[in-house]
Amino acid sequence: MATRWRALALSLTVALAAVTTAWYWTTHSASERQFGSCHFEGNVLVLKWTGGANERNSVQLDMRNNVVVASLRTEVGSGSSLAIGLPGEARFTVYGDTRQVRDSKGEILACPSQ
């Protein structure tokens, strides 16, 4: 009888973990997007993109080994929203001689100086 209770408790624990994981990934799913353009204004890197209503965008920058790696993550909210394009822009001061910018997939972005 004790073995049945242990098996039931283990089954419920596994089911709860599976449901919790599925819920987390459903509510926290984000996708990588590409920047529309980028350029340098002196030592300031300017990244631009277009997003939609009901979206949360976050820009992440990693500056190791004299290479700037920029990624744009987008989370889409639930419900309906207007189909409009909203401009987004992020500015980062880059110190040193770093002028090579890559996206999170390793592709080089053409970011001219202006």
PDB file of N, CA and C in Angstrom:
ATOM      1  N   MET A   1       0.812  -1.192   0.000  1.00  0.00           N
ATOM      2  CA  MET A   1       0.000   0.000   0.000  1.00  0.00           C
ATOM      3  C   MET A   1       0.865   1.270   0.000  1.00  0.00           C
ATOM      4  N   ALA A   2       1.980   1.219   0.747  1.00  0.00           N
ATOM      5  CA  ALA A   2       2.870   2.379   0.803  1.00  0.00           C
ATOM      6  C   ALA A   2       3.492   2.652  -0.565  1.00  0.00           C
ATOM      7  N   THR A   3       3.743   1.604  -1.330  1.00  0.00           N
ATOM      8  CA  THR A   3       4.318   1.760  -2.664  1.00  0.00           C
ATOM      9  C   THR A   3       3.352   2.489  -3.590  1.00  0.00           C
ATOM     10  N   ARG A   4       2.061   2.203  -3.460  1.00  0.00           N
ATOM     11  CA  ARG A   4       1.065   2.892  -4.292  1.00  0.00           C
ATOM     12  C   ARG A   4       1.036   4.381  -3.978  1.00  0.00           C
ATOM     13  N   TRP A   5       1.096   4.732  -2.699  1.00  0.00           N
ATOM     14  CA  TRP A   5       1.075   6.134  -2.311  1.00  0.00           C
ATOM     15  C   TRP A   5       2.325   6.859  -2.810  1.00  0.00           C
ATOM     16  N   ARG A   6       3.451   6.203  -2.743  1.00  0.00           N
ATOM     17  CA  ARG A   6       4.684   6.810  -3.257  1.00  0.00           C
ATOM     18  C   ARG A   6       4.604   7.003  -4.768  1.00  0.00           C
ATOM     19  N   ALA A   7       4.080   6.003  -5.456  1.00  0.00           N
ATOM     20  CA  ALA A   7       3.932   6.112  -6.915  1.00  0.00           C
ATOM     21  C   ALA A   7       2.964   7.236  -7.268  1.00  0.00           C
ATOM     22  N   LEU A   8       1.868   7.350  -6.532  1.00  0.00           N
ATOM     23  CA  LEU A   8       0.905   8.418  -6.778  1.00  0.00           C
ATOM     24  C   LEU A   8       1.530   9.782  -6.500  1.00  0.00           C
ATOM     25  N   ALA A   9       2.258   9.900  -5.399  1.00  0.00           N
ATOM     26  CA  ALA A   9       2.911  11.170  -5.065  1.00  0.00           C
ATOM     27  C   ALA A   9       3.948  11.547  -6.124  1.00  0.00           C
ATOM     28  N   LEU A  10       4.705  10.553  -6.585  1.00  0.00           N
ATOM     29  CA  LEU A  10       5.693  10.817  -7.634  1.00  0.00           C
ATOM     30  C   LEU A  10       5.019  11.240  -8.936  1.00  0.00           C
ATOM     31  N   SER A  11       3.932  10.579  -9.314  1.00  0.00           N
ATOM     32  CA  SER A  11       3.203  10.927 -10.533  1.00  0.00           C
ATOM     33  C   SER A  11       2.644  12.343 -10.457  1.00  0.00           C
ATOM     34  N   LEU A  12       2.071  12.705  -9.318  1.00  0.00           N
ATOM     35  CA  LEU A  12       1.538  14.060  -9.166  1.00  0.00           C
ATOM     36  C   LEU A  12       2.637  15.114  -9.197  1.00  0.00           C
ATOM     37  N   THR A  13       3.781  14.809  -8.624  1.00  0.00           N
ATOM     38  CA  THR A  13       4.907  15.741  -8.635  1.00  0.00           C
ATOM     39  C   THR A  13       5.411  15.969 -10.059  1.00  0.00           C
ATOM     40  N   VAL A  14       5.537  14.900 -10.829  1.00  0.00           N
ATOM     41  CA  VAL A  14       5.984  15.011 -12.223  1.00  0.00           C
ATOM     42  C   VAL A  14       4.962  15.792 -13.040  1.00  0.00           C
ATOM     43  N   ALA A  15       3.680  15.517 -12.839  1.00  0.00           N
ATOM     44  CA  ALA A  15       2.635  16.243 -13.577  1.00  0.00           C
ATOM     45  C   ALA A  15       2.645  17.723 -13.227  1.00  0.00           C
ATOM     46  N   LEU A  16       2.811  18.042 -11.952  1.00  0.00           N
ATOM     47  CA  LEU A  16       2.872  19.443 -11.537  1.00  0.00           C
ATOM     48  C   LEU A  16       4.082  20.149 -12.143  1.00  0.00           C
ATOM     49  N   ALA A  17       5.221  19.483 -12.172  1.00  0.00           N
ATOM     50  CA  ALA A  17       6.421  20.072 -12.779  1.00  0.00           C
ATOM     51  C   ALA A  17       6.222  20.317 -14.265  1.00  0.00           C
ATOM     52  N   ALA A  18       5.580  19.394 -14.960  1.00  0.00           N
ATOM     53  CA  ALA A  18       5.337  19.547 -16.400  1.00  0.00           C
ATOM     54  C   ALA A  18       4.390  20.713 -16.672  1.00  0.00           C
ATOM     55  N   VAL A  19       3.324  20.818 -15.900  1.00  0.00           N
ATOM     56  CA  VAL A  19       2.361  21.904 -16.087  1.00  0.00           C
ATOM     57  C   VAL A  19       3.005  23.247 -15.760  1.00  0.00           C
ATOM     58  N   THR A  20       3.776  23.315 -14.703  1.00  0.00           N
ATOM     59  CA  THR A  20       4.444  24.558 -14.315  1.00  0.00           C
ATOM     60  C   THR A  20       5.432  25.002 -15.392  1.00  0.00           C
ATOM     61  N   THR A  21       6.204  24.067 -15.921  1.00  0.00           N
ATOM     62  CA  THR A  21       7.159  24.399 -16.981  1.00  0.00           C
ATOM     63  C   THR A  21       6.439  24.891 -18.227  1.00  0.00           C
ATOM     64  N   ALA A  22       5.364  24.226 -18.619  1.00  0.00           N
ATOM     65  CA  ALA A  22       4.596  24.647 -19.803  1.00  0.00           C
ATOM     66  C   ALA A  22       4.000  26.030 -19.594  1.00  0.00           C
ATOM     67  N   TRP A  23       3.474  26.286 -18.408  1.00  0.00           N
ATOM     68  CA  TRP A  23       2.911  27.607 -18.114  1.00  0.00           C
ATOM     69  C   TRP A  23       3.990  28.679 -18.195  1.00  0.00           C
ATOM     70  N   TYR A  24       5.157  28.411 -17.613  1.00  0.00           N
ATOM     71  CA  TYR A  24       6.239  29.390 -17.622  1.00  0.00           C
ATOM     72  C   TYR A  24       6.636  29.743 -19.051  1.00  0.00           C
ATOM     73  N   TRP A  25       6.863  28.741 -19.897  1.00  0.00           N
ATOM     74  CA  TRP A  25       7.307  29.017 -21.260  1.00  0.00           C
ATOM     75  C   TRP A  25       6.222  29.682 -22.085  1.00  0.00           C
ATOM     76  N   THR A  26       4.961  29.417 -21.784  1.00  0.00           N
ATOM     77  CA  THR A  26       3.874  30.068 -22.507  1.00  0.00           C
ATOM     78  C   THR A  26       3.797  31.548 -22.150  1.00  0.00           C
ATOM     79  N   THR A  27       3.942  31.863 -20.889  1.00  0.00           N
ATOM     80  CA  THR A  27       3.816  33.257 -20.467  1.00  0.00           C
ATOM     81  C   THR A  27       5.100  34.044 -20.605  1.00  0.00           C
ATOM     82  N   HIS A  28       6.240  33.384 -20.681  1.00  0.00           N
ATOM     83  CA  HIS A  28       7.516  34.084 -20.756  1.00  0.00           C
ATOM     84  C   HIS A  28       8.235  33.857 -22.076  1.00  0.00           C
ATOM     85  N   SER A  29       7.506  33.458 -23.085  1.00  0.00           N
ATOM     86  CA  SER A  29       8.175  33.214 -24.355  1.00  0.00           C
ATOM     87  C   SER A  29       8.550  34.542 -25.006  1.00  0.00           C
ATOM     88  N   ALA A  30       9.725  34.603 -25.494  1.00  0.00           N
ATOM     89  CA  ALA A  30      10.215  35.797 -26.180  1.00  0.00           C
ATOM     90  C   ALA A  30      10.918  35.338 -27.441  1.00  0.00           C
ATOM     91  N   SER A  31      10.972  36.207 -28.399  1.00  0.00           N
ATOM     92  CA  SER A  31      11.633  35.847 -29.642  1.00  0.00           C
ATOM     93  C   SER A  31      12.717  36.869 -29.960  1.00  0.00           C
ATOM     94  N   GLU A  32      13.711  36.411 -30.692  1.00  0.00           N
ATOM     95  CA  GLU A  32      14.785  37.299 -31.146  1.00  0.00           C
ATOM     96  C   GLU A  32      14.336  37.983 -32.430  1.00  0.00           C
ATOM     97  N   ARG A  33      14.603  39.258 -32.536  1.00  0.00           N
ATOM     98  CA  ARG A  33      14.291  39.995 -33.756  1.00  0.00           C
ATOM     99  C   ARG A  33      15.538  40.698 -34.235  1.00  0.00           C
ATOM    100  N   GLN A  34      15.481  41.159 -35.468  1.00  0.00           N
ATOM    101  CA  GLN A  34      16.603  41.863 -36.074  1.00  0.00           C
ATOM    102  C   GLN A  34      16.401  43.372 -35.919  1.00  0.00           C
ATOM    103  N   PHE A  35      17.510  44.075 -35.817  1.00  0.00           N
ATOM    104  CA  PHE A  35      17.464  45.529 -35.797  1.00  0.00           C
ATOM    105  C   PHE A  35      17.228  46.022 -37.217  1.00  0.00           C
ATOM    106  N   GLY A  36      16.475  47.115 -37.329  1.00  0.00           N
ATOM    107  CA  GLY A  36      16.229  47.704 -38.643  1.00  0.00           C
ATOM    108  C   GLY A  36      17.463  48.417 -39.173  1.00  0.00           C
ATOM    109  N   SER A  37      18.178  49.080 -38.296  1.00  0.00           N
ATOM    110  CA  SER A  37      19.399  49.767 -38.696  1.00  0.00           C
ATOM    111  C   SER A  37      20.253  50.053 -37.473  1.00  0.00           C
ATOM    112  N   CYS A  38      21.503  50.364 -37.732  1.00  0.00           N
ATOM    113  CA  CYS A  38      22.409  50.783 -36.667  1.00  0.00           C
ATOM    114  C   CYS A  38      23.457  51.703 -37.271  1.00  0.00           C
ATOM    115  N   HIS A  39      23.976  52.601 -36.450  1.00  0.00           N
ATOM    116  CA  HIS A  39      25.055  53.492 -36.862  1.00  0.00           C
ATOM    117  C   HIS A  39      25.742  54.049 -35.623  1.00  0.00           C
ATOM    118  N   PHE A  40      26.919  54.591 -35.842  1.00  0.00           N
ATOM    119  CA  PHE A  40      27.667  55.234 -34.771  1.00  0.00           C
ATOM    120  C   PHE A  40      27.574  56.744 -34.940  1.00  0.00           C
ATOM    121  N   GLU A  41      27.310  57.435 -33.851  1.00  0.00           N
ATOM    122  CA  GLU A  41      27.401  58.892 -33.796  1.00  0.00           C
ATOM    123  C   GLU A  41      28.540  59.198 -32.839  1.00  0.00           C
ATOM    124  N   GLY A  42      29.736  59.314 -33.380  1.00  0.00           N
ATOM    125  CA  GLY A  42      30.914  59.445 -32.524  1.00  0.00           C
ATOM    126  C   GLY A  42      31.174  58.111 -31.845  1.00  0.00           C
ATOM    127  N   ASN A  43      31.138  58.105 -30.518  1.00  0.00           N
ATOM    128  CA  ASN A  43      31.330  56.842 -29.809  1.00  0.00           C
ATOM    129  C   ASN A  43      30.006  56.281 -29.277  1.00  0.00           C
ATOM    130  N   VAL A  44      28.882  56.756 -29.796  1.00  0.00           N
ATOM    131  CA  VAL A  44      27.553  56.287 -29.389  1.00  0.00           C
ATOM    132  C   VAL A  44      26.995  55.354 -30.472  1.00  0.00           C
ATOM    133  N   LEU A  45      26.683  54.142 -30.087  1.00  0.00           N
ATOM    134  CA  LEU A  45      26.055  53.181 -30.985  1.00  0.00           C
ATOM    135  C   LEU A  45      24.548  53.380 -30.913  1.00  0.00           C
ATOM    136  N   VAL A  46      23.915  53.606 -32.073  1.00  0.00           N
ATOM    137  CA  VAL A  46      22.471  53.823 -32.153  1.00  0.00           C
ATOM    138  C   VAL A  46      21.852  52.619 -32.859  1.00  0.00           C
ATOM    139  N   LEU A  47      20.962  51.935 -32.172  1.00  0.00           N
ATOM    140  CA  LEU A  47      20.257  50.777 -32.719  1.00  0.00           C
ATOM    141  C   LEU A  47      18.788  51.133 -32.882  1.00  0.00           C
ATOM    142  N   LYS A  48      18.214  50.831 -34.059  1.00  0.00           N
ATOM    143  CA  LYS A  48      16.813  51.165 -34.325  1.00  0.00           C
ATOM    144  C   LYS A  48      16.060  49.921 -34.774  1.00  0.00           C
ATOM    145  N   TRP A  49      14.772  49.884 -34.449  1.00  0.00           N
ATOM    146  CA  TRP A  49      13.909  48.783 -34.853  1.00  0.00           C
ATOM    147  C   TRP A  49      12.474  49.285 -34.910  1.00  0.00           C
ATOM    148  N   THR A  50      11.605  48.475 -35.475  1.00  0.00           N
ATOM    149  CA  THR A  50      10.179  48.764 -35.500  1.00  0.00           C
ATOM    150  C   THR A  50       9.462  47.641 -34.772  1.00  0.00           C
ATOM    151  N   GLY A  51       8.618  48.012 -33.836  1.00  0.00           N
ATOM    152  CA  GLY A  51       7.851  47.030 -33.080  1.00  0.00           C
ATOM    153  C   GLY A  51       6.373  47.315 -33.217  1.00  0.00           C
ATOM    154  N   GLY A  52       5.584  46.472 -32.639  1.00  0.00           N
ATOM    155  CA  GLY A  52       4.143  46.642 -32.702  1.00  0.00           C
ATOM    156  C   GLY A  52       3.561  47.010 -31.348  1.00  0.00           C
ATOM    157  N   ALA A  53       2.293  47.370 -31.366  1.00  0.00           N
ATOM    158  CA  ALA A  53       1.593  47.624 -30.113  1.00  0.00           C
ATOM    159  C   ALA A  53       1.493  46.297 -29.356  1.00  0.00           C
ATOM    160  N   ASN A  54       1.450  46.365 -28.065  1.00  0.00           N
ATOM    161  CA  ASN A  54       1.337  45.187 -27.203  1.00  0.00           C
ATOM    162  C   ASN A  54       2.596  44.313 -27.246  1.00  0.00           C
ATOM    163  N   GLU A  55       3.738  44.939 -27.511  1.00  0.00           N
ATOM    164  CA  GLU A  55       5.023  44.234 -27.495  1.00  0.00           C
ATOM    165  C   GLU A  55       5.961  44.918 -26.508  1.00  0.00           C
ATOM    166  N   ARG A  56       6.762  44.103 -25.848  1.00  0.00           N
ATOM    167  CA  ARG A  56       7.799  44.642 -24.967  1.00  0.00           C
ATOM    168  C   ARG A  56       9.144  44.246 -25.552  1.00  0.00           C
ATOM    169  N   ASN A  57       9.941  45.232 -25.866  1.00  0.00           N
ATOM    170  CA  ASN A  57      11.251  44.992 -26.464  1.00  0.00           C
ATOM    171  C   ASN A  57      12.347  45.286 -25.456  1.00  0.00           C
ATOM    172  N   SER A  58      13.369  44.457 -25.484  1.00  0.00           N
ATOM    173  CA  SER A  58      14.534  44.712 -24.640  1.00  0.00           C
ATOM    174  C   SER A  58      15.793  44.491 -25.463  1.00  0.00           C
ATOM    175  N   VAL A  59      16.709  45.423 -25.324  1.00  0.00           N
ATOM    176  CA  VAL A  59      17.983  45.356 -26.040  1.00  0.00           C
ATOM    177  C   VAL A  59      19.048  44.931 -25.049  1.00  0.00           C
ATOM    178  N   GLN A  60      19.839  43.961 -25.441  1.00  0.00           N
ATOM    179  CA  GLN A  60      20.945  43.507 -24.601  1.00  0.00           C
ATOM    180  C   GLN A  60      22.235  43.699 -25.368  1.00  0.00           C
ATOM    181  N   LEU A  61      23.254  44.155 -24.668  1.00  0.00           N
ATOM    182  CA  LEU A  61      24.550  44.413 -25.276  1.00  0.00           C
ATOM    183  C   LEU A  61      25.621  43.666 -24.498  1.00  0.00           C
ATOM    184  N   ASP A  62      26.508  43.009 -25.224  1.00  0.00           N
ATOM    185  CA  ASP A  62      27.642  42.305 -24.631  1.00  0.00           C
ATOM    186  C   ASP A  62      28.885  42.828 -25.332  1.00  0.00           C
ATOM    187  N   MET A  63      29.848  43.330 -24.571  1.00  0.00           N
ATOM    188  CA  MET A  63      31.018  43.970 -25.168  1.00  0.00           C
ATOM    189  C   MET A  63      32.296  43.291 -24.704  1.00  0.00           C
ATOM    190  N   ARG A  64      32.481  42.062 -25.128  1.00  0.00           N
ATOM    191  CA  ARG A  64      33.705  41.336 -24.791  1.00  0.00           C
ATOM    192  C   ARG A  64      34.552  41.145 -26.033  1.00  0.00           C
ATOM    193  N   ASN A  65      35.852  41.046 -25.859  1.00  0.00           N
ATOM    194  CA  ASN A  65      36.801  40.755 -26.936  1.00  0.00           C
ATOM    195  C   ASN A  65      36.738  41.767 -28.076  1.00  0.00           C
ATOM    196  N   ASN A  66      36.524  43.043 -27.753  1.00  0.00           N
ATOM    197  CA  ASN A  66      36.477  44.122 -28.750  1.00  0.00           C
ATOM    198  C   ASN A  66      35.401  43.925 -29.809  1.00  0.00           C
ATOM    199  N   VAL A  67      34.369  43.176 -29.491  1.00  0.00           N
ATOM    200  CA  VAL A  67      33.227  42.984 -30.387  1.00  0.00           C
ATOM    201  C   VAL A  67      31.970  43.311 -29.599  1.00  0.00           C
ATOM    202  N   VAL A  68      31.081  44.094 -30.202  1.00  0.00           N
ATOM    203  CA  VAL A  68      29.807  44.412 -29.582  1.00  0.00           C
ATOM    204  C   VAL A  68      28.777  43.411 -30.117  1.00  0.00           C
ATOM    205  N   VAL A  69      28.142  42.680 -29.214  1.00  0.00           N
ATOM    206  CA  VAL A  69      27.080  41.757 -29.604  1.00  0.00           C
ATOM    207  C   VAL A  69      25.773  42.344 -29.093  1.00  0.00           C
ATOM    208  N   ALA A  70      24.870  42.662 -30.023  1.00  0.00           N
ATOM    209  CA  ALA A  70      23.591  43.283 -29.673  1.00  0.00           C
ATOM    210  C   ALA A  70      22.459  42.326 -30.012  1.00  0.00           C
ATOM    211  N   SER A  71      21.510  42.204 -29.107  1.00  0.00           N
ATOM    212  CA  SER A  71      20.346  41.366 -29.377  1.00  0.00           C
ATOM    213  C   SER A  71      19.079  42.109 -28.984  1.00  0.00           C
ATOM    214  N   LEU A  72      18.030  41.859 -29.728  1.00  0.00           N
ATOM    215  CA  LEU A  72      16.726  42.480 -29.508  1.00  0.00           C
ATOM    216  C   LEU A  72      15.733  41.372 -29.206  1.00  0.00           C
ATOM    217  N   ARG A  73      15.209  41.357 -27.993  1.00  0.00           N
ATOM    218  CA  ARG A  73      14.239  40.337 -27.586  1.00  0.00           C
ATOM    219  C   ARG A  73      12.869  40.989 -27.486  1.00  0.00           C
ATOM    220  N   THR A  74      11.867  40.295 -28.008  1.00  0.00           N
ATOM    221  CA  THR A  74      10.510  40.822 -28.036  1.00  0.00           C
ATOM    222  C   THR A  74       9.558  39.852 -27.357  1.00  0.00           C
ATOM    223  N   GLU A  75       8.771  40.372 -26.442  1.00  0.00           N
ATOM    224  CA  GLU A  75       7.702  39.609 -25.809  1.00  0.00           C
ATOM    225  C   GLU A  75       6.384  40.210 -26.257  1.00  0.00           C
ATOM    226  N   VAL A  76       5.489  39.361 -26.755  1.00  0.00           N
ATOM    227  CA  VAL A  76       4.189  39.816 -27.230  1.00  0.00           C
ATOM    228  C   VAL A  76       3.162  39.537 -26.146  1.00  0.00           C
ATOM    229  N   GLY A  77       2.380  40.548 -25.817  1.00  0.00           N
ATOM    230  CA  GLY A  77       1.348  40.395 -24.804  1.00  0.00           C
ATOM    231  C   GLY A  77       0.148  39.635 -25.342  1.00  0.00           C
ATOM    232  N   SER A  78      -0.779  39.355 -24.467  1.00  0.00           N
ATOM    233  CA  SER A  78      -1.978  38.638 -24.880  1.00  0.00           C
ATOM    234  C   SER A  78      -3.056  39.629 -25.280  1.00  0.00           C
ATOM    235  N   GLY A  79      -4.023  39.153 -25.985  1.00  0.00           N
ATOM    236  CA  GLY A  79      -5.132  39.999 -26.405  1.00  0.00           C
ATOM    237  C   GLY A  79      -4.893  40.622 -27.758  1.00  0.00           C
ATOM    238  N   SER A  80      -5.872  41.330 -28.229  1.00  0.00           N
ATOM    239  CA  SER A  80      -5.774  41.958 -29.543  1.00  0.00           C
ATOM    240  C   SER A  80      -5.157  43.348 -29.410  1.00  0.00           C
ATOM    241  N   SER A  81      -4.569  43.808 -30.496  1.00  0.00           N
ATOM    242  CA  SER A  81      -3.975  45.142 -30.516  1.00  0.00           C
ATOM    243  C   SER A  81      -3.997  45.668 -31.934  1.00  0.00           C
ATOM    244  N   LEU A  82      -3.785  46.946 -32.070  1.00  0.00           N
ATOM    245  CA  LEU A  82      -3.754  47.578 -33.381  1.00  0.00           C
ATOM    246  C   LEU A  82      -2.533  47.122 -34.160  1.00  0.00           C
ATOM    247  N   ALA A  83      -2.664  46.988 -35.446  1.00  0.00           N
ATOM    248  CA  ALA A  83      -1.550  46.594 -36.309  1.00  0.00           C
ATOM    249  C   ALA A  83      -0.828  47.853 -36.789  1.00  0.00           C
ATOM    250  N   ILE A  84      -0.003  48.407 -35.928  1.00  0.00           N
ATOM    251  CA  ILE A  84       0.759  49.599 -36.268  1.00  0.00           C
ATOM    252  C   ILE A  84       2.226  49.348 -35.966  1.00  0.00           C
ATOM    253  N   GLY A  85       3.086  50.077 -36.644  1.00  0.00           N
ATOM    254  CA  GLY A  85       4.518  49.988 -36.398  1.00  0.00           C
ATOM    255  C   GLY A  85       4.971  51.143 -35.522  1.00  0.00           C
ATOM    256  N   LEU A  86       5.631  50.822 -34.434  1.00  0.00           N
ATOM    257  CA  LEU A  86       6.133  51.845 -33.520  1.00  0.00           C
ATOM    258  C   LEU A  86       7.651  51.847 -33.560  1.00  0.00           C
ATOM    259  N   PRO A  87       8.265  53.007 -33.722  1.00  0.00           N
ATOM    260  CA  PRO A  87       9.724  53.049 -33.792  1.00  0.00           C
ATOM    261  C   PRO A  87      10.356  52.853 -32.421  1.00  0.00           C
ATOM    262  N   GLY A  88      11.464  52.149 -32.415  1.00  0.00           N
ATOM    263  CA  GLY A  88      12.231  51.965 -31.192  1.00  0.00           C
ATOM    264  C   GLY A  88      13.679  52.339 -31.443  1.00  0.00           C
ATOM    265  N   GLU A  89      14.327  52.869 -30.421  1.00  0.00           N
ATOM    266  CA  GLU A  89      15.716  53.282 -30.557  1.00  0.00           C
ATOM    267  C   GLU A  89      16.421  53.114 -29.221  1.00  0.00           C
ATOM    268  N   ALA A  90      17.649  52.622 -29.280  1.00  0.00           N
ATOM    269  CA  ALA A  90      18.485  52.500 -28.082  1.00  0.00           C
ATOM    270  C   ALA A  90      19.848  53.082 -28.408  1.00  0.00           C
ATOM    271  N   ARG A  91      20.434  53.777 -27.434  1.00  0.00           N
ATOM    272  CA  ARG A  91      21.751  54.394 -27.603  1.00  0.00           C
ATOM    273  C   ARG A  91      22.675  53.899 -26.503  1.00  0.00           C
ATOM    274  N   PHE A  92      23.881  53.492 -26.911  1.00  0.00           N
ATOM    275  CA  PHE A  92      24.881  53.000 -25.977  1.00  0.00           C
ATOM    276  C   PHE A  92      26.208  53.667 -26.270  1.00  0.00           C
ATOM    277  N   THR A  93      26.876  54.132 -25.244  1.00  0.00           N
ATOM    278  CA  THR A  93      28.213  54.682 -25.402  1.00  0.00           C
ATOM    279  C   THR A  93      29.203  53.539 -25.418  1.00  0.00           C
ATOM    280  N   VAL A  94      30.036  53.506 -26.466  1.00  0.00           N
ATOM    281  CA  VAL A  94      31.031  52.454 -26.635  1.00  0.00           C
ATOM    282  C   VAL A  94      32.404  53.091 -26.492  1.00  0.00           C
ATOM    283  N   TYR A  95      33.166  52.644 -25.500  1.00  0.00           N
ATOM    284  CA  TYR A  95      34.498  53.181 -25.263  1.00  0.00           C
ATOM    285  C   TYR A  95      35.542  52.301 -25.930  1.00  0.00           C
ATOM    286  N   GLY A  96      36.626  52.904 -26.378  1.00  0.00           N
ATOM    287  CA  GLY A  96      37.695  52.156 -27.024  1.00  0.00           C
ATOM    288  C   GLY A  96      37.540  52.160 -28.529  1.00  0.00           C
ATOM    289  N   ASP A  97      38.277  51.286 -29.171  1.00  0.00           N
ATOM    290  CA  ASP A  97      38.291  51.230 -30.639  1.00  0.00           C
ATOM    291  C   ASP A  97      37.273  50.248 -31.205  1.00  0.00           C
ATOM    292  N   THR A  98      36.382  49.735 -30.396  1.00  0.00           N
ATOM    293  CA  THR A  98      35.421  48.727 -30.847  1.00  0.00           C
ATOM    294  C   THR A  98      34.441  49.341 -31.840  1.00  0.00           C
ATOM    295  N   ARG A  99      34.409  48.811 -33.043  1.00  0.00           N
ATOM    296  CA  ARG A  99      33.461  49.261 -34.060  1.00  0.00           C
ATOM    297  C   ARG A  99      32.788  48.090 -34.757  1.00  0.00           C
ATOM    298  N   GLN A 100      33.120  46.872 -34.378  1.00  0.00           N
ATOM    299  CA  GLN A 100      32.482  45.716 -35.001  1.00  0.00           C
ATOM    300  C   GLN A 100      31.260  45.330 -34.169  1.00  0.00           C
ATOM    301  N   VAL A 101      30.110  45.277 -34.820  1.00  0.00           N
ATOM    302  CA  VAL A 101      28.864  44.939 -34.141  1.00  0.00           C
ATOM    303  C   VAL A 101      28.296  43.677 -34.778  1.00  0.00           C
ATOM    304  N   ARG A 102      27.920  42.730 -33.933  1.00  0.00           N
ATOM    305  CA  ARG A 102      27.314  41.478 -34.392  1.00  0.00           C
ATOM    306  C   ARG A 102      25.978  41.296 -33.698  1.00  0.00           C
ATOM    307  N   ASP A 103      25.087  40.517 -34.353  1.00  0.00           N
ATOM    308  CA  ASP A 103      23.847  40.157 -33.677  1.00  0.00           C
ATOM    309  C   ASP A 103      24.080  38.893 -32.858  1.00  0.00           C
ATOM    310  N   SER A 104      23.065  38.424 -32.181  1.00  0.00           N
ATOM    311  CA  SER A 104      23.229  37.273 -31.290  1.00  0.00           C
ATOM    312  C   SER A 104      23.534  35.981 -32.036  1.00  0.00           C
ATOM    313  N   LYS A 105      23.293  35.959 -33.342  1.00  0.00           N
ATOM    314  CA  LYS A 105      23.600  34.774 -34.152  1.00  0.00           C
ATOM    315  C   LYS A 105      25.010  34.819 -34.717  1.00  0.00           C
ATOM    316  N   GLY A 106      25.722  35.917 -34.475  1.00  0.00           N
ATOM    317  CA  GLY A 106      27.094  36.052 -34.931  1.00  0.00           C
ATOM    318  C   GLY A 106      27.258  36.776 -36.247  1.00  0.00           C
ATOM    319  N   GLU A 107      26.163  37.202 -36.859  1.00  0.00           N
ATOM    320  CA  GLU A 107      26.235  37.924 -38.133  1.00  0.00           C
ATOM    321  C   GLU A 107      26.671  39.368 -37.890  1.00  0.00           C
ATOM    322  N   ILE A 108      27.566  39.852 -38.745  1.00  0.00           N
ATOM    323  CA  ILE A 108      28.069  41.220 -38.611  1.00  0.00           C
ATOM    324  C   ILE A 108      27.003  42.202 -39.099  1.00  0.00           C
ATOM    325  N   LEU A 109      26.764  43.242 -38.301  1.00  0.00           N
ATOM    326  CA  LEU A 109      25.827  44.301 -38.664  1.00  0.00           C
ATOM    327  C   LEU A 109      26.620  45.461 -39.238  1.00  0.00           C
ATOM    328  N   ALA A 110      26.124  46.022 -40.319  1.00  0.00           N
ATOM    329  CA  ALA A 110      26.768  47.183 -40.933  1.00  0.00           C
ATOM    330  C   ALA A 110      26.314  48.433 -40.188  1.00  0.00           C
ATOM    331  N   CYS A 111      27.228  48.978 -39.382  1.00  0.00           N
ATOM    332  CA  CYS A 111      26.923  50.157 -38.578  1.00  0.00           C
ATOM    333  C   CYS A 111      27.908  51.266 -38.947  1.00  0.00           C
ATOM    334  N   PRO A 112      27.591  52.073 -39.969  1.00  0.00           N
ATOM    335  CA  PRO A 112      28.522  53.113 -40.396  1.00  0.00           C
ATOM    336  C   PRO A 112      28.597  54.250 -39.386  1.00  0.00           C
ATOM    337  N   SER A 113      29.657  55.031 -39.495  1.00  0.00           N
ATOM    338  CA  SER A 113      29.809  56.228 -38.666  1.00  0.00           C
ATOM    339  C   SER A 113      29.108  57.387 -39.362  1.00  0.00           C
ATOM    340  N   GLN A 114      28.432  58.214 -38.597  1.00  0.00           N
ATOM    341  CA  GLN A 114      27.745  59.375 -39.173  1.00  0.00           C
ATOM    342  C   GLN A 114      28.246  60.640 -38.541  1.00  0.00           C
TER     343      GLN A 114
END
